[in-house]
């Protein structure tokens, strides 16, 4: 299934504050090291980039993935 990836305003603010490349966030969703279920019917995934980790909290909706925070 193909999903549209949409970023919440909060996620975009965090990406900007933390100076994270948005393509690395997309890569973390598409090819995560691991994905787990978390609160409120959301999921968390992560990916190691150099010496850091990118953790993405998201919701899977009907035809899109909504990134809640990074």
Protein backbone atom coordinates (compact mmCIF):
# COMPACT_ATOMS: atom_id res chain seq x y z
CA UNK A 1 0.00 0.00 0.00
CA UNK A 2 1.23 3.50 -0.81
CA UNK A 3 0.81 6.12 1.87
CA UNK A 4 1.01 9.87 1.68
CA UNK A 5 3.29 11.20 4.43
CA UNK A 6 1.93 14.36 6.04
CA UNK A 7 3.71 16.37 8.73
CA UNK A 8 1.82 18.04 11.58
CA UNK A 9 2.74 21.64 12.37
CA UNK A 10 4.23 20.42 15.64
CA UNK A 11 6.45 17.90 13.81
CA UNK A 12 7.63 20.55 11.36
CA UNK A 13 8.48 22.87 14.26
CA UNK A 14 10.52 20.12 15.97
CA UNK A 15 12.31 19.25 12.71
CA UNK A 16 13.21 22.92 12.29
CA UNK A 17 14.28 23.39 15.94
CA UNK A 18 16.48 20.30 15.87
CA UNK A 19 17.82 21.01 12.37
CA UNK A 20 16.85 17.55 11.10
CA UNK A 21 16.87 16.84 7.38
CA UNK A 22 13.24 16.10 6.44
CA UNK A 23 14.39 13.36 4.03
CA UNK A 24 15.94 11.51 6.97
CA UNK A 25 12.57 11.62 8.70
CA UNK A 26 10.91 10.13 5.61
CA UNK A 27 13.61 7.45 5.45
CA UNK A 28 12.98 6.62 9.11
CA UNK A 29 9.31 5.96 8.28
CA UNK A 30 10.00 3.98 5.09
CA UNK A 31 12.97 1.94 6.37
CA UNK A 32 12.97 2.02 10.18
CA UNK A 33 15.27 -0.09 12.32
CA UNK A 34 12.24 -0.86 14.49
CA UNK A 35 8.61 0.21 14.89
CA UNK A 36 6.59 -0.20 18.09
CA UNK A 37 3.05 0.61 19.21
CA UNK A 38 2.78 3.51 21.67
CA UNK A 39 -0.03 5.49 23.32
CA UNK A 40 -3.15 6.83 21.64
CA UNK A 41 -3.08 4.31 18.75
CA UNK A 42 0.20 5.79 17.52
CA UNK A 43 3.45 4.17 16.52
CA UNK A 44 7.08 5.07 17.07
CA UNK A 45 9.94 4.19 14.79
CA UNK A 46 13.59 5.02 14.87
CA UNK A 47 16.67 4.98 12.72
CA UNK A 48 20.31 5.53 13.64
CA UNK A 49 22.00 8.29 11.64
CA UNK A 50 25.73 8.60 12.37
CA UNK A 51 25.99 8.93 16.17
CA UNK A 52 22.38 10.01 16.70
CA UNK A 53 18.92 8.49 16.52
CA UNK A 54 15.86 9.91 14.82
CA UNK A 55 12.65 8.90 16.59
CA UNK A 56 9.38 9.53 14.77
CA UNK A 57 5.93 9.32 16.36
CA UNK A 58 3.17 8.86 13.79
CA UNK A 59 -0.40 7.76 13.15
CA UNK A 60 -1.47 5.51 10.32
CA UNK A 61 -4.73 6.78 8.93
CA UNK A 62 -6.86 5.57 6.04
CA UNK A 63 -4.55 6.60 3.19
CA UNK A 64 -1.81 8.58 4.89
CA UNK A 65 0.78 8.59 7.63
CA UNK A 66 0.63 11.65 9.85
CA UNK A 67 3.90 12.44 11.58
CA UNK A 68 3.03 13.80 15.01
CA UNK A 69 6.49 14.63 16.34
CA UNK A 70 10.18 13.95 15.75
